[in-house]
Amino acid sequence: MRRLLIDSPVSRAGYLYATAVGLVWGAIWSTGRIERRSGLLVFRGLPAWSFGRGGSCVGAVYLTNQNVTADVLEHEAVHKVQWQRYGMLFPLLYLIAGRDPLKNRFEIEAGLEKGGYLRQKREATRAPRGRRASTP
């Protein structure tokens, strides 16, 4: 059964259906720029109630207001691949994985930092301990 539903023509059809739904939803509510980035069709300017969190990936469509940094689009591109793999099972599996992104396996796989759920790790800019930074 798994072979029939995951990475199969059935899941591909579900992905294409979800993409069509995303295109229609984006076309109805988008008031901003529409562009292709990171393998996604990005619809901007949607009202906050029309998508989840900072934006939602539906098939190959990313719906948002203005949350379109390179990191976020990289994160959403992973969700696109998840849609391709699971098709219409993806929303159900995502729901079962839970709303907490820190525990949701699909958000973890897409990258919590790039998705904006964790702070980006910054490189240390301080002088090493025990040594003082030189002053002019």
N, C-alpha and C. Protein backbone atom coordinates (compact mmCIF):
# COMPACT_ATOMS: atom_id res chain seq x y z
N MET A 1 0.82 -1.20 0.00
CA MET A 1 0.00 0.00 0.00
C MET A 1 0.86 1.26 0.00
N ARG A 2 1.95 1.23 0.78
CA ARG A 2 2.84 2.38 0.87
C ARG A 2 3.41 2.73 -0.49
N ARG A 3 3.78 1.71 -1.25
CA ARG A 3 4.35 1.91 -2.58
C ARG A 3 3.36 2.59 -3.52
N LEU A 4 2.08 2.34 -3.28
CA LEU A 4 1.03 2.93 -4.11
C LEU A 4 0.81 4.41 -3.80
N LEU A 5 1.04 4.81 -2.54
CA LEU A 5 0.70 6.17 -2.11
C LEU A 5 1.87 7.13 -1.98
N ILE A 6 3.08 6.62 -1.79
CA ILE A 6 4.24 7.48 -1.55
C ILE A 6 5.22 7.35 -2.71
N ASP A 7 5.69 8.51 -3.21
CA ASP A 7 6.59 8.53 -4.36
C ASP A 7 6.02 7.70 -5.51
N SER A 8 4.79 7.98 -5.87
CA SER A 8 4.09 7.18 -6.87
C SER A 8 3.30 8.09 -7.80
N PRO A 9 2.73 7.54 -8.86
CA PRO A 9 1.83 8.35 -9.69
C PRO A 9 0.65 8.92 -8.90
N VAL A 10 0.20 8.22 -7.87
CA VAL A 10 -0.90 8.72 -7.04
C VAL A 10 -0.46 9.96 -6.26
N SER A 11 0.73 9.90 -5.66
CA SER A 11 1.21 11.06 -4.91
C SER A 11 1.52 12.22 -5.86
N ARG A 12 2.01 11.92 -7.04
CA ARG A 12 2.28 12.96 -8.04
C ARG A 12 0.98 13.67 -8.44
N ALA A 13 -0.09 12.90 -8.64
CA ALA A 13 -1.39 13.49 -8.97
C ALA A 13 -1.88 14.38 -7.82
N GLY A 14 -1.69 13.94 -6.59
CA GLY A 14 -2.07 14.75 -5.44
C GLY A 14 -1.28 16.04 -5.36
N TYR A 15 0.01 15.97 -5.67
CA TYR A 15 0.86 17.16 -5.69
C TYR A 15 0.38 18.14 -6.76
N LEU A 16 0.05 17.63 -7.94
CA LEU A 16 -0.44 18.50 -9.01
C LEU A 16 -1.79 19.13 -8.65
N TYR A 17 -2.65 18.35 -8.01
CA TYR A 17 -3.94 18.87 -7.56
C TYR A 17 -3.72 19.98 -6.52
N ALA A 18 -2.85 19.73 -5.55
CA ALA A 18 -2.56 20.73 -4.52
C ALA A 18 -1.99 22.00 -5.16
N THR A 19 -1.12 21.84 -6.14
CA THR A 19 -0.56 23.00 -6.84
C THR A 19 -1.67 23.80 -7.51
N ALA A 20 -2.61 23.11 -8.15
CA ALA A 20 -3.74 23.80 -8.79
C ALA A 20 -4.57 24.57 -7.76
N VAL A 21 -4.82 23.95 -6.61
CA VAL A 21 -5.56 24.63 -5.54
C VAL A 21 -4.78 25.86 -5.08
N GLY A 22 -3.47 25.72 -4.88
CA GLY A 22 -2.63 26.85 -4.47
C GLY A 22 -2.64 27.98 -5.49
N LEU A 23 -2.62 27.62 -6.77
CA LEU A 23 -2.66 28.64 -7.83
C LEU A 23 -3.97 29.42 -7.79
N VAL A 24 -5.07 28.70 -7.64
CA VAL A 24 -6.38 29.37 -7.59
C VAL A 24 -6.46 30.27 -6.35
N TRP A 25 -6.06 29.73 -5.19
CA TRP A 25 -6.11 30.50 -3.94
C TRP A 25 -5.23 31.75 -4.05
N GLY A 26 -4.03 31.58 -4.57
CA GLY A 26 -3.13 32.71 -4.73
C GLY A 26 -3.67 33.74 -5.70
N ALA A 27 -4.24 33.28 -6.80
CA ALA A 27 -4.79 34.20 -7.80
C ALA A 27 -5.96 35.01 -7.23
N ILE A 28 -6.74 34.39 -6.37
CA ILE A 28 -7.89 35.08 -5.77
C ILE A 28 -7.44 36.15 -4.77
N TRP A 29 -6.48 35.82 -3.90
CA TRP A 29 -6.18 36.69 -2.77
C TRP A 29 -4.90 37.51 -2.88
N SER A 30 -4.02 37.18 -3.81
CA SER A 30 -2.76 37.91 -3.91
C SER A 30 -2.97 39.33 -4.42
N THR A 31 -2.36 40.28 -3.75
CA THR A 31 -2.39 41.67 -4.20
C THR A 31 -0.98 42.17 -4.49
N GLY A 32 -0.01 41.28 -4.37
CA GLY A 32 1.39 41.68 -4.55
C GLY A 32 2.02 40.98 -5.74
N ARG A 33 3.30 41.00 -5.73
CA ARG A 33 4.09 40.41 -6.81
C ARG A 33 3.93 38.89 -6.83
N ILE A 34 3.88 38.34 -8.04
CA ILE A 34 3.85 36.89 -8.25
C ILE A 34 5.11 36.56 -9.04
N GLU A 35 5.89 35.61 -8.54
CA GLU A 35 7.14 35.28 -9.23
C GLU A 35 7.53 33.83 -8.98
N ARG A 36 8.45 33.34 -9.79
CA ARG A 36 8.99 32.00 -9.61
C ARG A 36 10.35 32.15 -8.95
N ARG A 37 10.47 31.54 -7.75
CA ARG A 37 11.74 31.57 -7.01
C ARG A 37 11.93 30.24 -6.30
N SER A 38 13.14 29.76 -6.33
CA SER A 38 13.51 28.51 -5.65
C SER A 38 12.60 27.34 -6.05
N GLY A 39 12.16 27.34 -7.29
CA GLY A 39 11.30 26.26 -7.77
C GLY A 39 9.86 26.37 -7.31
N LEU A 40 9.51 27.50 -6.72
CA LEU A 40 8.15 27.73 -6.22
C LEU A 40 7.50 28.88 -6.97
N LEU A 41 6.20 28.84 -7.11
CA LEU A 41 5.44 30.01 -7.54
C LEU A 41 5.08 30.76 -6.27
N VAL A 42 5.60 31.96 -6.12
CA VAL A 42 5.44 32.73 -4.89
C VAL A 42 4.37 33.81 -5.11
N PHE A 43 3.32 33.73 -4.31
CA PHE A 43 2.26 34.74 -4.33
C PHE A 43 2.40 35.59 -3.08
N ARG A 44 2.57 36.90 -3.26
CA ARG A 44 2.72 37.83 -2.13
C ARG A 44 1.45 38.66 -1.96
N GLY A 45 1.40 39.33 -0.84
CA GLY A 45 0.33 40.27 -0.59
C GLY A 45 -0.98 39.65 -0.17
N LEU A 46 -0.94 38.39 0.28
CA LEU A 46 -2.18 37.75 0.73
C LEU A 46 -2.54 38.23 2.14
N PRO A 47 -3.82 38.29 2.46
CA PRO A 47 -4.20 38.64 3.83
C PRO A 47 -3.74 37.56 4.81
N ALA A 48 -3.44 37.96 6.04
CA ALA A 48 -2.87 37.06 7.04
C ALA A 48 -3.75 35.83 7.31
N TRP A 49 -5.05 35.96 7.20
CA TRP A 49 -5.95 34.83 7.49
C TRP A 49 -5.93 33.77 6.38
N SER A 50 -5.34 34.08 5.23
CA SER A 50 -5.43 33.17 4.09
C SER A 50 -4.29 32.17 4.00
N PHE A 51 -3.38 32.18 4.97
CA PHE A 51 -2.27 31.22 5.01
C PHE A 51 -1.87 31.02 6.46
N GLY A 52 -1.10 29.97 6.73
CA GLY A 52 -0.67 29.67 8.08
C GLY A 52 0.67 30.32 8.42
N ARG A 53 0.87 30.64 9.66
CA ARG A 53 2.12 31.21 10.19
C ARG A 53 2.63 32.33 9.28
N GLY A 54 3.88 32.25 8.84
CA GLY A 54 4.44 33.30 7.97
C GLY A 54 4.15 33.08 6.50
N GLY A 55 3.66 31.89 6.17
CA GLY A 55 3.35 31.55 4.79
C GLY A 55 3.05 30.06 4.71
N SER A 56 2.42 29.65 3.62
CA SER A 56 2.06 28.24 3.45
C SER A 56 2.46 27.75 2.07
N CYS A 57 3.01 26.56 2.03
CA CYS A 57 3.34 25.90 0.78
C CYS A 57 2.21 24.92 0.46
N VAL A 58 1.63 25.08 -0.73
CA VAL A 58 0.57 24.18 -1.19
C VAL A 58 1.03 23.66 -2.55
N GLY A 59 1.51 22.42 -2.57
CA GLY A 59 2.09 21.88 -3.80
C GLY A 59 3.34 22.67 -4.14
N ALA A 60 3.38 23.27 -5.32
CA ALA A 60 4.53 24.07 -5.75
C ALA A 60 4.29 25.56 -5.56
N VAL A 61 3.28 25.93 -4.79
CA VAL A 61 2.89 27.33 -4.60
C VAL A 61 3.17 27.74 -3.15
N TYR A 62 3.82 28.90 -3.00
CA TYR A 62 4.07 29.46 -1.68
C TYR A 62 3.22 30.71 -1.53
N LEU A 63 2.37 30.73 -0.51
CA LEU A 63 1.43 31.81 -0.26
C LEU A 63 1.87 32.57 0.99
N THR A 64 2.01 33.90 0.88
CA THR A 64 2.49 34.70 1.99
C THR A 64 2.09 36.15 1.82
N ASN A 65 2.42 36.96 2.81
CA ASN A 65 2.27 38.39 2.65
C ASN A 65 3.58 38.93 2.08
N GLN A 66 4.65 38.90 2.88
CA GLN A 66 5.95 39.38 2.41
C GLN A 66 7.11 38.54 2.94
N ASN A 67 6.87 37.36 3.44
CA ASN A 67 7.90 36.53 4.07
C ASN A 67 8.64 35.73 2.98
N VAL A 68 9.58 36.40 2.29
CA VAL A 68 10.21 35.78 1.12
C VAL A 68 11.74 35.88 1.13
N THR A 69 12.34 35.72 2.29
CA THR A 69 13.80 35.72 2.33
C THR A 69 14.33 34.46 1.65
N ALA A 70 15.59 34.47 1.28
CA ALA A 70 16.20 33.30 0.65
C ALA A 70 16.12 32.08 1.55
N ASP A 71 16.33 32.26 2.86
CA ASP A 71 16.25 31.13 3.80
C ASP A 71 14.84 30.55 3.86
N VAL A 72 13.85 31.41 3.94
CA VAL A 72 12.46 30.94 4.00
C VAL A 72 12.10 30.19 2.72
N LEU A 73 12.51 30.71 1.58
CA LEU A 73 12.19 30.04 0.31
C LEU A 73 12.90 28.68 0.20
N GLU A 74 14.10 28.59 0.74
CA GLU A 74 14.80 27.30 0.77
C GLU A 74 14.03 26.31 1.65
N HIS A 75 13.54 26.78 2.78
CA HIS A 75 12.73 25.97 3.70
C HIS A 75 11.45 25.51 2.98
N GLU A 76 10.78 26.42 2.32
CA GLU A 76 9.52 26.09 1.64
C GLU A 76 9.75 25.15 0.45
N ALA A 77 10.91 25.24 -0.20
CA ALA A 77 11.23 24.33 -1.30
C ALA A 77 11.30 22.89 -0.81
N VAL A 78 11.72 22.68 0.44
CA VAL A 78 11.72 21.33 1.02
C VAL A 78 10.27 20.86 1.20
N HIS A 79 9.38 21.76 1.62
CA HIS A 79 7.97 21.38 1.73
C HIS A 79 7.40 21.00 0.36
N LYS A 80 7.84 21.68 -0.68
CA LYS A 80 7.40 21.31 -2.03
C LYS A 80 7.78 19.86 -2.33
N VAL A 81 8.99 19.48 -2.00
CA VAL A 81 9.45 18.10 -2.21
C VAL A 81 8.62 17.13 -1.37
N GLN A 82 8.26 17.55 -0.16
CA GLN A 82 7.40 16.71 0.69
C GLN A 82 6.03 16.53 0.03
N TRP A 83 5.49 17.59 -0.56
CA TRP A 83 4.23 17.47 -1.29
C TRP A 83 4.38 16.47 -2.44
N GLN A 84 5.49 16.55 -3.16
CA GLN A 84 5.71 15.64 -4.27
C GLN A 84 5.77 14.19 -3.79
N ARG A 85 6.39 13.98 -2.67
CA ARG A 85 6.56 12.62 -2.15
C ARG A 85 5.25 12.04 -1.62
N TYR A 86 4.50 12.83 -0.87
CA TYR A 86 3.31 12.32 -0.18
C TYR A 86 1.99 12.69 -0.84
N GLY A 87 1.99 13.65 -1.75
CA GLY A 87 0.75 14.05 -2.40
C GLY A 87 -0.28 14.53 -1.39
N MET A 88 -1.52 14.13 -1.58
CA MET A 88 -2.60 14.58 -0.71
C MET A 88 -2.56 13.93 0.67
N LEU A 89 -1.65 13.00 0.90
CA LEU A 89 -1.44 12.49 2.26
C LEU A 89 -0.69 13.52 3.11
N PHE A 90 0.03 14.41 2.45
CA PHE A 90 0.88 15.35 3.18
C PHE A 90 0.10 16.18 4.20
N PRO A 91 -1.03 16.80 3.87
CA PRO A 91 -1.74 17.57 4.90
C PRO A 91 -2.15 16.73 6.11
N LEU A 92 -2.56 15.50 5.88
CA LEU A 92 -2.95 14.61 6.98
C LEU A 92 -1.72 14.24 7.82
N LEU A 93 -0.63 13.87 7.17
CA LEU A 93 0.59 13.52 7.89
C LEU A 93 1.13 14.71 8.68
N TYR A 94 1.04 15.90 8.08
CA TYR A 94 1.49 17.11 8.75
C TYR A 94 0.64 17.37 10.00
N LEU A 95 -0.66 17.21 9.87
CA LEU A 95 -1.57 17.40 11.00
C LEU A 95 -1.24 16.42 12.12
N ILE A 96 -0.99 15.17 11.78
CA ILE A 96 -0.64 14.14 12.77
C ILE A 96 0.70 14.47 13.45
N ALA A 97 1.63 15.06 12.69
CA ALA A 97 2.95 15.41 13.24
C ALA A 97 2.84 16.53 14.28
N GLY A 98 1.76 17.29 14.26
CA GLY A 98 1.52 18.29 15.30
C GLY A 98 1.82 19.72 14.89
N ARG A 99 1.20 20.65 15.60
CA ARG A 99 1.35 22.08 15.28
C ARG A 99 2.65 22.68 15.81
N ASP A 100 3.28 22.03 16.77
CA ASP A 100 4.54 22.55 17.32
C ASP A 100 5.65 22.30 16.31
N PRO A 101 6.16 23.35 15.67
CA PRO A 101 7.18 23.14 14.64
C PRO A 101 8.46 22.51 15.19
N LEU A 102 8.73 22.69 16.47
CA LEU A 102 9.96 22.12 17.06
C LEU A 102 9.87 20.60 17.20
N LYS A 103 8.66 20.05 17.09
CA LYS A 103 8.46 18.60 17.19
C LYS A 103 7.92 18.00 15.89
N ASN A 104 7.53 18.85 14.95
CA ASN A 104 6.95 18.39 13.69
C ASN A 104 8.06 17.93 12.75
N ARG A 105 8.06 16.66 12.39
CA ARG A 105 9.16 16.10 11.60
C ARG A 105 9.31 16.76 10.24
N PHE A 106 8.23 17.27 9.67
CA PHE A 106 8.30 17.93 8.36
C PHE A 106 8.96 19.29 8.47
N GLU A 107 8.70 20.02 9.54
CA GLU A 107 9.36 21.30 9.78
C GLU A 107 10.84 21.09 10.12
N ILE A 108 11.13 20.06 10.89
CA ILE A 108 12.51 19.76 11.23
C ILE A 108 13.29 19.41 9.97
N GLU A 109 12.70 18.58 9.11
CA GLU A 109 13.35 18.21 7.85
C GLU A 109 13.58 19.43 6.96
N ALA A 110 12.65 20.37 6.95
CA ALA A 110 12.77 21.57 6.12
C ALA A 110 13.77 22.57 6.70
N GLY A 111 14.10 22.43 7.97
CA GLY A 111 15.08 23.30 8.60
C GLY A 111 14.42 24.35 9.49
N LEU A 112 14.53 24.16 10.77
CA LEU A 112 13.87 25.06 11.72
C LEU A 112 14.46 26.47 11.67
N GLU A 113 15.77 26.58 11.50
CA GLU A 113 16.40 27.91 11.45
C GLU A 113 15.97 28.65 10.19
N LYS A 114 16.04 27.98 9.05
CA LYS A 114 15.66 28.63 7.79
C LYS A 114 14.19 28.98 7.75
N GLY A 115 13.37 28.20 8.45
CA GLY A 115 11.95 28.48 8.52
C GLY A 115 11.59 29.57 9.50
N GLY A 116 12.58 30.04 10.26
CA GLY A 116 12.34 31.12 11.21
C GLY A 116 11.84 30.65 12.57
N TYR A 117 11.95 29.34 12.83
CA TYR A 117 11.47 28.81 14.11
C TYR A 117 12.55 28.84 15.19
N LEU A 118 13.80 28.93 14.78
CA LEU A 118 14.93 29.05 15.71
C LEU A 118 15.80 30.20 15.24
N ARG A 119 16.52 30.79 16.16
CA ARG A 119 17.46 31.85 15.78
C ARG A 119 18.61 31.25 14.99
N GLN A 120 19.07 32.01 14.02
CA GLN A 120 20.23 31.59 13.25
C GLN A 120 21.46 31.59 14.16
N LYS A 121 22.30 30.59 13.99
CA LYS A 121 23.55 30.56 14.74
C LYS A 121 24.48 31.61 14.17
N ARG A 122 25.00 32.44 15.07
CA ARG A 122 25.92 33.50 14.63
C ARG A 122 27.33 33.13 15.00
N GLU A 123 28.24 33.53 14.15
CA GLU A 123 29.65 33.28 14.45
C GLU A 123 30.10 34.27 15.52
N ALA A 124 30.99 33.79 16.38
CA ALA A 124 31.49 34.64 17.46
C ALA A 124 32.30 35.79 16.87
N THR A 125 32.06 36.98 17.37
CA THR A 125 32.80 38.15 16.90
C THR A 125 33.65 38.75 18.01
N ARG A 126 33.64 38.12 19.16
CA ARG A 126 34.40 38.62 20.30
C ARG A 126 35.85 38.14 20.22
N ALA A 127 36.69 38.86 20.93
CA ALA A 127 38.07 38.41 21.08
C ALA A 127 38.08 37.19 21.97
N PRO A 128 38.98 36.23 21.74
CA PRO A 128 39.03 35.05 22.59
C PRO A 128 39.24 35.43 24.05
N ARG A 129 38.70 34.60 24.96
CA ARG A 129 38.85 34.87 26.39
C ARG A 129 40.32 34.89 26.78
N GLY A 130 40.61 35.73 27.74
CA GLY A 130 41.97 35.81 28.23
C GLY A 130 42.82 36.78 27.43
N ARG A 131 42.29 37.23 26.30
CA ARG A 131 43.03 38.20 25.49
C ARG A 131 42.14 39.42 25.30
N ARG A 132 42.73 40.53 25.40
CA ARG A 132 41.97 41.77 25.22
C ARG A 132 42.05 42.19 23.77
N ALA A 133 40.97 42.74 23.31
CA ALA A 133 40.98 43.30 21.97
C ALA A 133 41.82 44.58 21.99
N SER A 134 42.57 44.78 20.96
CA SER A 134 43.43 45.97 20.93
C SER A 134 42.57 47.21 20.72
N THR A 135 42.98 48.30 21.33
CA THR A 135 42.28 49.57 21.17
C THR A 135 43.23 50.58 20.59
N PRO A 136 42.74 51.48 19.79
CA PRO A 136 43.63 52.48 19.17
C PRO A 136 44.15 53.48 20.16
